[in-house]
Protein backbone atom coordinates (compact mmCIF):
# COMPACT_ATOMS: atom_id res chain seq x y z
CA MET A 1 -25.41 16.95 6.44
CA SER A 2 -24.65 18.89 3.29
CA ALA A 3 -21.24 18.96 1.65
CA ARG A 4 -20.71 22.53 2.86
CA GLU A 5 -21.55 21.62 6.44
CA THR A 6 -19.28 18.57 6.26
CA PHE A 7 -16.20 19.98 4.57
CA SER A 8 -16.19 23.77 4.95
CA GLY A 9 -13.19 25.16 6.81
CA GLY A 10 -11.07 22.04 6.46
CA ILE A 11 -7.89 21.36 4.51
CA ALA A 12 -8.12 19.34 1.28
CA VAL A 13 -5.04 17.77 -0.31
CA ILE A 14 -5.54 16.76 -3.93
CA THR A 15 -2.91 14.98 -6.02
CA GLY A 16 -3.06 15.40 -9.78
CA ALA A 17 -4.84 18.69 -9.12
CA GLY A 18 -3.54 20.48 -12.21
CA ALA A 19 -6.24 19.35 -14.63
CA GLY A 20 -9.33 17.25 -15.21
CA ILE A 21 -11.34 15.93 -12.30
CA GLY A 22 -8.53 16.86 -9.89
CA ALA A 23 -8.91 20.52 -10.83
CA GLY A 24 -12.69 20.20 -10.67
CA LEU A 25 -12.49 18.78 -7.14
CA ALA A 26 -10.12 21.58 -6.15
CA ARG A 27 -12.44 24.27 -7.50
CA HIS A 28 -15.47 22.83 -5.75
CA ALA A 29 -13.59 22.29 -2.49
CA SER A 30 -12.58 25.95 -2.60
CA GLN A 31 -16.17 27.00 -3.27
CA LEU A 32 -17.18 25.03 -0.16
CA GLY A 33 -14.70 27.04 1.90
CA MET A 34 -11.86 24.56 2.15
CA THR A 35 -8.16 25.42 2.09
CA VAL A 36 -6.91 23.49 -0.93
CA VAL A 37 -3.40 22.09 -1.40
CA LEU A 38 -2.80 21.49 -5.10
CA ALA A 39 -0.20 18.74 -5.55
CA ASP A 40 1.04 17.91 -9.05
CA VAL A 41 4.16 17.64 -11.19
CA ASP A 42 2.78 20.31 -13.55
CA VAL A 43 3.94 23.42 -11.73
CA ASN A 44 2.45 25.82 -14.26
CA ALA A 45 -1.01 24.25 -14.09
CA THR A 46 -1.18 24.28 -10.30
CA ALA A 47 0.24 27.80 -10.02
CA SER A 48 -2.43 29.05 -12.44
CA LEU A 49 -5.16 27.23 -10.54
CA ARG A 50 -3.91 28.58 -7.20
CA GLU A 51 -4.05 32.12 -8.57
CA GLU A 52 -7.57 31.51 -9.85
CA LEU A 53 -8.82 30.16 -6.51
CA CYS A 54 -7.19 32.91 -4.48
CA ALA A 55 -8.51 35.60 -6.83
CA ALA A 56 -12.00 34.24 -6.18
CA GLY A 57 -11.48 34.66 -2.44
CA GLY A 58 -10.36 31.15 -1.65
CA SER A 59 -7.32 29.81 0.17
CA ALA A 60 -4.94 27.58 -1.81
CA ALA A 61 -1.32 26.49 -2.06
CA ASP A 62 0.45 24.69 -4.88
CA VAL A 63 3.13 22.09 -4.25
CA ILE A 64 5.28 20.08 -6.65
CA CYS A 65 4.88 16.43 -5.73
CA ASP A 66 5.61 13.30 -7.74
CA VAL A 67 3.43 10.61 -6.19
CA ARG A 68 5.81 7.94 -7.48
CA ASP A 69 8.30 9.06 -4.83
CA PRO A 70 7.28 7.90 -1.34
CA ASP A 71 9.69 10.33 0.31
CA ALA A 72 8.18 13.25 -1.59
CA VAL A 73 4.67 12.28 -0.51
CA GLN A 74 5.79 11.86 3.10
CA GLN A 75 7.46 15.27 3.01
CA LEU A 76 4.21 16.70 1.62
CA ALA A 77 2.24 15.27 4.54
CA ASP A 78 4.78 16.45 7.11
CA ARG A 79 4.86 19.94 5.62
CA ILE A 80 1.07 20.30 5.54
CA TYR A 81 0.59 19.08 9.10
CA GLY A 82 3.46 21.26 10.28
CA ASP A 83 2.49 24.45 8.44
CA LEU A 84 -1.28 24.27 7.91
CA GLY A 85 -2.79 21.74 10.29
CA PRO A 86 -4.77 18.50 10.12
CA VAL A 87 -6.10 17.35 6.77
CA ARG A 88 -9.85 16.84 6.52
CA LEU A 89 -9.83 15.47 2.97
CA LEU A 90 -7.13 13.52 1.14
CA VAL A 91 -7.82 12.89 -2.54
CA ASN A 92 -5.45 10.38 -4.16
CA ASN A 93 -6.29 11.33 -7.72
CA ALA A 94 -3.09 11.44 -9.81
CA GLY A 95 -3.35 9.08 -12.78
CA VAL A 96 -2.21 8.38 -16.33
CA GLU A 97 -3.53 6.36 -19.28
CA GLN A 98 -1.91 3.87 -21.66
CA PHE A 99 -3.11 2.69 -25.06
CA GLY A 100 -2.13 -0.35 -27.10
CA TYR A 101 -2.07 -4.12 -26.88
CA LEU A 102 -0.71 -5.39 -23.60
CA TRP A 103 2.12 -7.30 -25.28
CA ASP A 104 3.20 -4.13 -27.09
CA THR A 105 3.25 -1.93 -23.99
CA PRO A 106 6.78 -0.68 -23.29
CA VAL A 107 8.05 -1.74 -19.87
CA ALA A 108 8.71 1.90 -18.97
CA ASN A 109 5.08 2.78 -19.75
CA TRP A 110 3.82 -0.16 -17.69
CA ARG A 111 5.88 0.96 -14.73
CA ARG A 112 4.68 4.55 -15.15
CA VAL A 113 1.04 3.47 -14.90
CA ILE A 114 1.66 1.25 -11.87
CA ASP A 115 3.88 3.78 -10.11
CA ILE A 116 1.44 6.67 -10.51
CA ASN A 117 -2.01 5.06 -10.53
CA VAL A 118 -1.46 2.38 -7.89
CA SER A 119 1.69 3.08 -5.89
CA GLY A 120 0.83 6.78 -5.81
CA VAL A 121 -2.37 5.94 -3.94
CA PHE A 122 -0.47 3.66 -1.55
CA HIS A 123 2.11 6.36 -0.86
CA GLY A 124 -0.65 8.83 -0.08
CA VAL A 125 -2.34 6.42 2.30
CA ARG A 126 0.92 5.55 4.02
CA ALA A 127 1.95 9.19 4.48
CA PHE A 128 -1.36 10.68 5.61
CA LEU A 129 -3.40 7.96 7.35
CA PRO A 130 -1.22 7.64 10.48
CA LYS A 131 -1.51 11.41 11.00
CA MET A 132 -5.27 11.29 10.49
CA MET A 133 -5.61 8.40 12.91
CA ALA A 134 -3.54 10.18 15.56
CA SER A 135 -6.33 12.75 15.82
CA THR A 136 -9.97 12.34 16.73
CA GLU A 137 -11.05 14.86 14.10
CA GLN A 138 -13.26 13.69 11.25
CA ALA A 139 -11.28 12.99 8.08
CA TRP A 140 -11.97 11.60 4.63
CA VAL A 141 -9.82 9.61 2.20
CA TRP A 142 -10.92 9.42 -1.43
CA ASN A 143 -9.09 7.11 -3.81
CA LEU A 144 -9.83 7.63 -7.49
CA SER A 145 -10.73 4.44 -9.28
CA SER A 146 -12.86 4.72 -12.42
CA VAL A 147 -15.73 3.14 -14.29
CA GLY A 148 -12.76 1.27 -15.77
CA GLY A 149 -12.35 -0.32 -12.35
CA VAL A 150 -15.45 -2.44 -12.98
CA LEU A 151 -14.94 -3.06 -16.69
CA ALA A 152 -12.67 -4.96 -19.03
CA ALA A 153 -11.67 -3.24 -22.26
CA PRO A 154 -9.19 -3.88 -25.08
CA LEU A 155 -6.18 -1.68 -25.77
CA GLN A 156 -6.18 -0.14 -22.29
CA GLY A 157 -5.01 -3.08 -20.20
CA PRO A 158 -2.52 -1.29 -17.91
CA TYR A 159 -4.95 1.53 -17.07
CA ILE A 160 -7.96 -0.74 -16.56
CA MET A 161 -5.90 -3.08 -14.38
CA SER A 162 -4.65 -0.16 -12.28
CA LYS A 163 -8.17 1.09 -11.62
CA HIS A 164 -9.32 -2.40 -10.58
CA ALA A 165 -6.33 -2.41 -8.22
CA VAL A 166 -7.22 0.99 -6.73
CA LEU A 167 -10.78 -0.15 -6.12
CA ALA A 168 -9.59 -3.31 -4.35
CA LEU A 169 -7.01 -1.32 -2.38
CA THR A 170 -9.72 1.09 -1.22
CA GLU A 171 -12.11 -1.69 -0.23
CA CYS A 172 -9.33 -3.33 1.81
CA LEU A 173 -8.36 0.02 3.33
CA TYR A 174 -11.96 0.56 4.42
CA LEU A 175 -11.82 -2.76 6.28
CA ASP A 176 -8.35 -2.01 7.69
CA VAL A 177 -9.60 1.27 9.18
CA GLN A 178 -12.64 -0.51 10.58
CA SER A 179 -10.52 -3.34 12.01
CA ALA A 180 -8.16 -0.84 13.66
CA GLY A 181 -11.12 0.91 15.31
CA HIS A 182 -10.80 4.26 13.52
CA ASP A 183 -13.95 4.09 11.41
CA HIS A 184 -15.78 6.46 13.77
CA HIS A 185 -13.73 9.36 12.43
CA ILE A 186 -11.85 8.15 9.33
CA HIS A 187 -14.10 7.81 6.27
CA VAL A 188 -12.63 5.86 3.35
CA GLN A 189 -14.49 6.21 0.06
CA ALA A 190 -13.92 4.96 -3.48
CA VAL A 191 -14.53 7.45 -6.30
CA LEU A 192 -15.60 5.93 -9.62
CA PRO A 193 -15.96 8.64 -12.25
CA GLY A 194 -17.42 7.95 -15.63
CA ALA A 195 -16.27 10.01 -18.59
CA VAL A 196 -15.13 13.40 -17.26
CA VAL A 197 -13.37 16.04 -19.35
CA SER A 198 -9.58 15.88 -18.86
CA ASN A 199 -6.34 15.73 -20.82
CA ILE A 200 -5.57 12.16 -19.74
CA PHE A 201 -6.13 10.76 -23.24
CA GLU A 202 -3.86 13.29 -24.95
CA SER A 203 -1.01 12.57 -22.54
CA ALA A 204 -1.48 8.79 -22.52
CA GLY A 205 1.38 6.49 -23.45
CA GLY A 206 1.37 4.49 -26.66
CA VAL A 207 3.45 1.72 -28.18
CA ASP A 208 6.70 1.81 -30.11
CA SER A 209 6.43 -1.46 -32.04
CA ASP A 210 5.48 -1.92 -35.69
CA ALA A 211 3.43 0.62 -37.57
CA THR A 212 0.24 -1.47 -37.55
CA ASP A 213 0.08 -1.90 -33.78
CA ALA A 214 1.04 1.74 -33.21
CA ALA A 215 -1.79 2.78 -35.52
CA ILE A 216 -4.24 0.63 -33.55
CA ALA A 217 -3.13 2.27 -30.31
CA GLU A 218 -3.65 5.71 -31.83
CA GLN A 219 -7.05 4.64 -33.13
CA GLN A 220 -8.05 3.80 -29.55
CA ARG A 221 -6.80 7.21 -28.43
CA ARG A 222 -8.98 8.88 -31.06
CA ALA A 223 -11.97 6.81 -29.94
CA MET A 224 -11.46 7.93 -26.35
CA LEU A 225 -11.16 11.55 -27.46
CA GLU A 226 -14.61 11.17 -29.00
CA VAL A 227 -15.83 9.97 -25.61
CA LYS A 228 -14.24 13.07 -24.08
CA ALA A 229 -16.34 15.27 -26.38
CA ARG A 230 -19.45 13.88 -24.63
CA ALA A 231 -17.91 13.80 -21.16
CA MET A 232 -19.11 15.42 -17.95
CA ASP A 233 -17.81 18.79 -16.82
CA PRO A 234 -15.23 18.30 -14.00
CA LEU A 235 -16.88 20.86 -11.72
CA ALA A 236 -20.27 19.17 -12.07
CA ALA A 237 -18.65 15.81 -11.39
CA ALA A 238 -16.96 17.24 -8.29
CA ALA A 239 -20.22 18.61 -6.92
CA THR A 240 -21.83 15.20 -7.28
CA ILE A 241 -18.92 13.48 -5.55
CA PHE A 242 -18.88 15.89 -2.61
CA GLU A 243 -22.62 15.56 -2.01
CA GLN A 244 -22.48 11.75 -2.10
CA ALA A 245 -19.49 11.78 0.24
CA ALA A 246 -21.35 13.93 2.75
CA GLU A 247 -24.24 11.46 2.62
CA GLY A 248 -21.83 8.73 3.75
CA GLY A 249 -21.78 6.34 0.81
CA PHE A 250 -18.71 4.23 0.08
CA TYR A 251 -18.91 4.17 -3.72
CA LEU A 252 -19.03 7.72 -5.08
CA LEU A 253 -20.26 7.77 -8.69
CA THR A 254 -20.39 10.70 -11.08
CA GLN A 255 -23.03 9.29 -13.44
CA GLN A 256 -25.81 6.70 -13.40
CA SER A 257 -23.98 4.87 -16.18
CA VAL A 258 -21.27 3.92 -13.67
CA GLY A 259 -23.86 2.20 -11.50
CA ALA A 260 -25.12 0.34 -14.56
CA ALA A 261 -21.57 -0.79 -15.33
CA MET A 262 -21.18 -2.03 -11.76
CA ALA A 263 -24.41 -4.03 -12.03
CA GLU A 264 -23.30 -5.53 -15.32
CA ARG A 265 -19.96 -6.48 -13.79
CA ALA A 266 -21.76 -8.23 -10.95
CA ASN A 267 -23.90 -10.12 -13.48
CA VAL A 268 -20.86 -11.20 -15.48
CA LEU A 269 -19.11 -12.53 -12.39
CA ALA A 270 -22.22 -14.25 -11.04
CA ALA A 271 -22.81 -15.96 -14.40
CA GLN A 272 -19.09 -16.68 -14.81
CA ARG A 273 -19.21 -15.31 -18.33
CA PRO A 274 -15.96 -14.50 -20.14
CA PRO A 275 -15.22 -10.85 -20.96
CA SER A 276 -16.77 -9.47 -24.11
CA LEU A 277 -15.59 -6.62 -26.29
CA HIS A 278 -16.76 -3.35 -24.84
CA ARG A 279 -15.64 0.23 -25.37
CA ILE A 280 -15.70 2.65 -22.44
């Protein structure tokens, strides 16, 4: 089935929908005929996107939701199921970056990455999956990992670690759903984007130690901004993800380079080689 046949008419809930790949997924979901719930802490970004989607003839709602707060995510799920109906697609996308040596990372920044990138996904799963499983309707759960989820890289330890964690969480969730006997209608999929245009690098945390280490962290930020200049358009990335999802794959990749990174990761583990310096 095509993405339009699979998803059209359903409700999509997307966290971190205000920018980047989250906004791209929202735009494409709307183009497919989905009702899109835009969840983010950036109220201005989601309000603007809602107006854009509705002006184009789509159906959308914007909701303030901090995925670090399990009660807020649960209230989001309860509100959607009470006011709109069952969710066909849940996209746990909200994420932040962090630059600098691991030993220089402020504790507050470490917690921010974990709370948003990892716990935010868990809170989404915990709030929405029981409601999805209570129905026999087809439903999809996408958790956003990254090409970083199959790589090791310097000066981005918290982010890279979080994306490895999301990938492992999603693989375990896939097996949990299968073990519980819900895999005939609940489809768990891991999304691994490569470089996609977003503002994640500009808003990334840094370090507050000595001038040398802070300069190194900023140098890594500048390097990643150069990657952004060559990155994939979010709407194109979204179209690729939706089509792969409709085809039933588990790993949803935006670019062939992500598949190459996965193969290289498998080779490194099989050969038991130590990590080597590599820039994303």
